[in-house]
Amino acid sequence: MRRALTWAALGLGAAVVIAAAVWGPRLAGMAEVGAGYVAKQMCSCIYVAGRTSDACRPDLPAEMDRIQASPLDDAEGVRASLLLGLVERRALHHPGSGCTLY
C-alpha cells in the first residue's frame, strides 16, 4: 500500500511539473498583458481624465480585480502588479501626449 502511494505521489508531482512547463509561459504572458492594460487605463483615467483612482477602478472589467494598481511616488504614472508583485507593469504620463507603458 505504501509503495502505491509513493508512485501516486510521484506521478502527481510529475504531472504538476509538466503542466507548469507547458502552461507557465503562456500564463506569465497573459499576466503581463493584464497588468499592462490596468496600468495604462488607470494612468489615462487619473492623469488625462483627471479622475481619482477610486473613481477609475470601476471602469475596468471585473476580471481585472486581482490586479493591484497604485500611482507612482516619483513620477506621474501608475504601477500595476499581480501574483504578489511577480508580474508588474508601469505606465507613465506624458503631458500633452497621454500615457505609455514602459
N, C-alpha and C. Protein backbone atom coordinates (compact mmCIF):
# COMPACT_ATOMS: atom_id res chain seq x y z
N MET A 1 0.83 -1.20 0.00
CA MET A 1 0.00 0.00 0.00
C MET A 1 0.87 1.27 0.00
N ARG A 2 1.93 1.22 0.79
CA ARG A 2 2.80 2.37 0.89
C ARG A 2 3.50 2.66 -0.44
N ARG A 3 3.90 1.61 -1.13
CA ARG A 3 4.58 1.75 -2.40
C ARG A 3 3.64 2.36 -3.44
N ALA A 4 2.36 2.00 -3.41
CA ALA A 4 1.38 2.56 -4.35
C ALA A 4 1.19 4.05 -4.11
N LEU A 5 1.17 4.45 -2.85
CA LEU A 5 1.03 5.87 -2.53
C LEU A 5 2.25 6.66 -2.98
N THR A 6 3.43 6.08 -2.85
CA THR A 6 4.65 6.74 -3.31
C THR A 6 4.62 6.95 -4.81
N TRP A 7 4.22 5.93 -5.56
CA TRP A 7 4.13 6.05 -7.02
C TRP A 7 3.06 7.06 -7.42
N ALA A 8 1.96 7.09 -6.69
CA ALA A 8 0.89 8.05 -6.99
C ALA A 8 1.38 9.47 -6.74
N ALA A 9 2.12 9.67 -5.65
CA ALA A 9 2.65 11.00 -5.34
C ALA A 9 3.68 11.42 -6.38
N LEU A 10 4.52 10.51 -6.82
CA LEU A 10 5.50 10.82 -7.86
C LEU A 10 4.80 11.15 -9.18
N GLY A 11 3.77 10.40 -9.51
CA GLY A 11 3.01 10.67 -10.73
C GLY A 11 2.35 12.03 -10.69
N LEU A 12 1.76 12.37 -9.55
CA LEU A 12 1.12 13.67 -9.39
C LEU A 12 2.16 14.80 -9.48
N GLY A 13 3.30 14.59 -8.86
CA GLY A 13 4.36 15.59 -8.92
C GLY A 13 4.85 15.80 -10.34
N ALA A 14 5.01 14.72 -11.08
CA ALA A 14 5.45 14.82 -12.47
C ALA A 14 4.41 15.54 -13.31
N ALA A 15 3.13 15.28 -13.06
CA ALA A 15 2.05 15.95 -13.80
C ALA A 15 2.08 17.45 -13.53
N VAL A 16 2.33 17.84 -12.30
CA VAL A 16 2.38 19.26 -11.95
C VAL A 16 3.56 19.94 -12.64
N VAL A 17 4.70 19.29 -12.65
CA VAL A 17 5.89 19.86 -13.31
C VAL A 17 5.65 20.01 -14.81
N ILE A 18 5.07 19.01 -15.43
CA ILE A 18 4.80 19.07 -16.87
C ILE A 18 3.79 20.17 -17.17
N ALA A 19 2.73 20.27 -16.37
CA ALA A 19 1.72 21.32 -16.58
C ALA A 19 2.34 22.71 -16.43
N ALA A 20 3.20 22.87 -15.45
CA ALA A 20 3.85 24.17 -15.25
C ALA A 20 4.75 24.52 -16.43
N ALA A 21 5.45 23.51 -16.98
CA ALA A 21 6.33 23.76 -18.12
C ALA A 21 5.54 24.12 -19.37
N VAL A 22 4.37 23.52 -19.52
CA VAL A 22 3.56 23.77 -20.71
C VAL A 22 2.78 25.07 -20.60
N TRP A 23 2.12 25.28 -19.48
CA TRP A 23 1.23 26.44 -19.34
C TRP A 23 1.87 27.65 -18.69
N GLY A 24 2.98 27.48 -17.98
CA GLY A 24 3.61 28.59 -17.26
C GLY A 24 3.94 29.79 -18.13
N PRO A 25 4.65 29.61 -19.24
CA PRO A 25 4.99 30.76 -20.08
C PRO A 25 3.77 31.48 -20.63
N ARG A 26 2.75 30.72 -21.00
CA ARG A 26 1.54 31.35 -21.53
C ARG A 26 0.83 32.17 -20.45
N LEU A 27 0.72 31.60 -19.27
CA LEU A 27 0.07 32.32 -18.18
C LEU A 27 0.86 33.56 -17.78
N ALA A 28 2.18 33.47 -17.80
CA ALA A 28 3.00 34.64 -17.47
C ALA A 28 2.78 35.75 -18.49
N GLY A 29 2.70 35.39 -19.76
CA GLY A 29 2.44 36.38 -20.80
C GLY A 29 1.09 37.04 -20.64
N MET A 30 0.08 36.22 -20.32
CA MET A 30 -1.26 36.78 -20.12
C MET A 30 -1.29 37.70 -18.91
N ALA A 31 -0.55 37.36 -17.86
CA ALA A 31 -0.49 38.20 -16.66
C ALA A 31 0.15 39.55 -16.99
N GLU A 32 1.19 39.54 -17.81
CA GLU A 32 1.84 40.81 -18.21
C GLU A 32 0.91 41.68 -19.02
N VAL A 33 0.15 41.07 -19.92
CA VAL A 33 -0.81 41.84 -20.72
C VAL A 33 -1.87 42.46 -19.82
N GLY A 34 -2.38 41.69 -18.88
CA GLY A 34 -3.40 42.21 -17.96
C GLY A 34 -2.88 43.35 -17.10
N ALA A 35 -1.67 43.19 -16.58
CA ALA A 35 -1.09 44.24 -15.75
C ALA A 35 -0.84 45.50 -16.58
N GLY A 36 -0.39 45.32 -17.81
CA GLY A 36 -0.17 46.47 -18.69
C GLY A 36 -1.46 47.20 -19.00
N TYR A 37 -2.51 46.44 -19.24
CA TYR A 37 -3.82 47.03 -19.52
C TYR A 37 -4.28 47.89 -18.35
N VAL A 38 -4.19 47.34 -17.15
CA VAL A 38 -4.63 48.08 -15.97
C VAL A 38 -3.77 49.32 -15.75
N ALA A 39 -2.46 49.19 -15.88
CA ALA A 39 -1.57 50.35 -15.69
C ALA A 39 -1.92 51.46 -16.67
N LYS A 40 -2.08 51.12 -17.94
CA LYS A 40 -2.37 52.13 -18.97
C LYS A 40 -3.74 52.77 -18.76
N GLN A 41 -4.75 51.98 -18.50
CA GLN A 41 -6.10 52.52 -18.31
C GLN A 41 -6.18 53.42 -17.08
N MET A 42 -5.58 52.96 -15.98
CA MET A 42 -5.62 53.76 -14.76
C MET A 42 -4.82 55.05 -14.92
N CYS A 43 -3.68 54.97 -15.59
CA CYS A 43 -2.86 56.17 -15.84
C CYS A 43 -3.66 57.19 -16.65
N SER A 44 -4.28 56.75 -17.71
CA SER A 44 -5.07 57.65 -18.56
C SER A 44 -6.25 58.23 -17.80
N CYS A 45 -6.89 57.41 -17.01
CA CYS A 45 -8.06 57.87 -16.26
C CYS A 45 -7.66 58.92 -15.21
N ILE A 46 -6.56 58.67 -14.52
CA ILE A 46 -6.13 59.59 -13.45
C ILE A 46 -5.52 60.87 -14.01
N TYR A 47 -4.56 60.73 -14.92
CA TYR A 47 -3.77 61.89 -15.35
C TYR A 47 -4.30 62.59 -16.59
N VAL A 48 -5.05 61.90 -17.42
CA VAL A 48 -5.61 62.56 -18.60
C VAL A 48 -7.04 63.02 -18.33
N ALA A 49 -7.85 62.12 -17.74
CA ALA A 49 -9.24 62.47 -17.46
C ALA A 49 -9.39 63.25 -16.15
N GLY A 50 -8.36 63.22 -15.29
CA GLY A 50 -8.41 63.98 -14.05
C GLY A 50 -9.31 63.40 -12.98
N ARG A 51 -9.51 62.09 -13.00
CA ARG A 51 -10.36 61.44 -12.00
C ARG A 51 -9.50 60.82 -10.91
N THR A 52 -10.14 60.44 -9.81
CA THR A 52 -9.41 59.78 -8.73
C THR A 52 -9.24 58.30 -9.04
N SER A 53 -8.30 57.69 -8.36
CA SER A 53 -8.06 56.26 -8.54
C SER A 53 -9.31 55.45 -8.19
N ASP A 54 -9.98 55.83 -7.11
CA ASP A 54 -11.20 55.12 -6.71
C ASP A 54 -12.31 55.27 -7.75
N ALA A 55 -12.37 56.40 -8.40
CA ALA A 55 -13.40 56.61 -9.43
C ALA A 55 -13.08 55.85 -10.71
N CYS A 56 -11.80 55.59 -10.96
CA CYS A 56 -11.39 54.90 -12.19
C CYS A 56 -11.55 53.39 -12.11
N ARG A 57 -11.37 52.83 -10.95
CA ARG A 57 -11.34 51.37 -10.80
C ARG A 57 -12.60 50.68 -11.33
N PRO A 58 -13.80 51.19 -11.09
CA PRO A 58 -15.00 50.51 -11.61
C PRO A 58 -15.08 50.47 -13.14
N ASP A 59 -14.29 51.28 -13.83
CA ASP A 59 -14.29 51.26 -15.30
C ASP A 59 -13.62 50.02 -15.87
N LEU A 60 -12.81 49.36 -15.06
CA LEU A 60 -12.09 48.17 -15.52
C LEU A 60 -12.99 46.94 -15.44
N PRO A 61 -12.77 45.95 -16.31
CA PRO A 61 -13.55 44.71 -16.23
C PRO A 61 -13.35 44.01 -14.89
N ALA A 62 -14.37 43.31 -14.43
CA ALA A 62 -14.30 42.61 -13.15
C ALA A 62 -13.17 41.59 -13.11
N GLU A 63 -12.79 41.04 -14.26
CA GLU A 63 -11.71 40.06 -14.31
C GLU A 63 -10.37 40.66 -13.89
N MET A 64 -10.28 41.98 -13.90
CA MET A 64 -9.02 42.66 -13.56
C MET A 64 -8.94 43.03 -12.08
N ASP A 65 -9.91 42.60 -11.27
CA ASP A 65 -9.93 42.97 -9.86
C ASP A 65 -8.71 42.47 -9.08
N ARG A 66 -8.11 41.37 -9.52
CA ARG A 66 -6.95 40.83 -8.82
C ARG A 66 -5.68 41.64 -9.05
N ILE A 67 -5.71 42.50 -10.05
CA ILE A 67 -4.53 43.30 -10.37
C ILE A 67 -4.56 44.58 -9.55
N GLN A 68 -3.53 44.78 -8.75
CA GLN A 68 -3.45 45.97 -7.91
C GLN A 68 -2.81 47.10 -8.69
N ALA A 69 -3.33 48.31 -8.50
CA ALA A 69 -2.79 49.48 -9.18
C ALA A 69 -2.63 50.62 -8.19
N SER A 70 -1.52 51.34 -8.33
CA SER A 70 -1.30 52.49 -7.45
C SER A 70 -0.46 53.52 -8.20
N PRO A 71 -0.71 54.80 -7.91
CA PRO A 71 0.10 55.86 -8.53
C PRO A 71 1.56 55.74 -8.11
N LEU A 72 2.46 56.11 -9.02
CA LEU A 72 3.89 56.10 -8.71
C LEU A 72 4.21 57.25 -7.76
N ASP A 73 5.20 57.04 -6.92
CA ASP A 73 5.62 58.07 -5.97
C ASP A 73 6.51 59.13 -6.62
N ASP A 74 7.35 58.71 -7.56
CA ASP A 74 8.37 59.60 -8.09
C ASP A 74 8.04 60.22 -9.45
N ALA A 75 6.90 59.88 -10.03
CA ALA A 75 6.54 60.42 -11.35
C ALA A 75 5.03 60.33 -11.54
N GLU A 76 4.52 61.02 -12.57
CA GLU A 76 3.12 60.88 -12.90
C GLU A 76 2.96 59.58 -13.68
N GLY A 77 2.42 58.59 -13.02
CA GLY A 77 2.24 57.30 -13.64
C GLY A 77 1.60 56.33 -12.68
N VAL A 78 1.39 55.11 -13.16
CA VAL A 78 0.72 54.08 -12.37
C VAL A 78 1.51 52.78 -12.46
N ARG A 79 1.60 52.07 -11.35
CA ARG A 79 2.21 50.75 -11.26
C ARG A 79 1.09 49.75 -11.04
N ALA A 80 1.02 48.71 -11.87
CA ALA A 80 0.04 47.64 -11.71
C ALA A 80 0.78 46.32 -11.52
N SER A 81 0.34 45.52 -10.56
CA SER A 81 1.03 44.26 -10.30
C SER A 81 0.04 43.19 -9.85
N LEU A 82 0.48 41.95 -10.00
CA LEU A 82 -0.28 40.82 -9.50
C LEU A 82 0.68 39.69 -9.17
N LEU A 83 0.13 38.62 -8.63
CA LEU A 83 0.93 37.48 -8.19
C LEU A 83 2.01 37.92 -7.20
N LEU A 84 1.58 38.67 -6.20
CA LEU A 84 2.46 39.15 -5.14
C LEU A 84 3.64 39.96 -5.67
N GLY A 85 3.39 40.69 -6.73
CA GLY A 85 4.42 41.55 -7.30
C GLY A 85 5.35 40.86 -8.29
N LEU A 86 5.12 39.59 -8.58
CA LEU A 86 5.97 38.89 -9.54
C LEU A 86 5.80 39.42 -10.95
N VAL A 87 4.60 39.89 -11.26
CA VAL A 87 4.34 40.49 -12.57
C VAL A 87 4.00 41.95 -12.33
N GLU A 88 4.70 42.84 -13.00
CA GLU A 88 4.49 44.28 -12.80
C GLU A 88 4.65 45.02 -14.12
N ARG A 89 3.77 45.98 -14.35
CA ARG A 89 3.90 46.89 -15.49
C ARG A 89 3.66 48.30 -14.98
N ARG A 90 4.27 49.26 -15.65
CA ARG A 90 4.12 50.68 -15.29
C ARG A 90 3.74 51.47 -16.52
N ALA A 91 2.95 52.49 -16.28
CA ALA A 91 2.58 53.43 -17.34
C ALA A 91 2.93 54.82 -16.86
N LEU A 92 3.57 55.59 -17.72
CA LEU A 92 3.95 56.97 -17.40
C LEU A 92 3.09 57.95 -18.17
N HIS A 93 2.76 59.06 -17.51
CA HIS A 93 2.00 60.13 -18.16
C HIS A 93 2.97 61.12 -18.78
N HIS A 94 2.72 61.46 -20.04
CA HIS A 94 3.49 62.47 -20.76
C HIS A 94 2.54 63.61 -21.09
N PRO A 95 2.64 64.77 -20.41
CA PRO A 95 1.70 65.86 -20.65
C PRO A 95 1.58 66.18 -22.13
N GLY A 96 0.37 66.29 -22.58
CA GLY A 96 0.09 66.61 -23.98
C GLY A 96 0.05 65.39 -24.89
N SER A 97 0.57 64.26 -24.42
CA SER A 97 0.59 63.04 -25.25
C SER A 97 -0.20 61.89 -24.66
N GLY A 98 -0.40 61.85 -23.36
CA GLY A 98 -1.12 60.76 -22.73
C GLY A 98 -0.18 59.83 -21.98
N CYS A 99 -0.61 58.60 -21.82
CA CYS A 99 0.15 57.61 -21.04
C CYS A 99 0.70 56.51 -21.94
N THR A 100 1.89 56.04 -21.62
CA THR A 100 2.50 54.92 -22.34
C THR A 100 3.09 53.93 -21.36
N LEU A 101 3.13 52.67 -21.75
CA LEU A 101 3.74 51.63 -20.94
C LEU A 101 5.25 51.71 -21.06
N TYR A 102 5.93 51.33 -19.99
CA TYR A 102 7.38 51.20 -20.05
C TYR A 102 7.81 50.05 -19.19
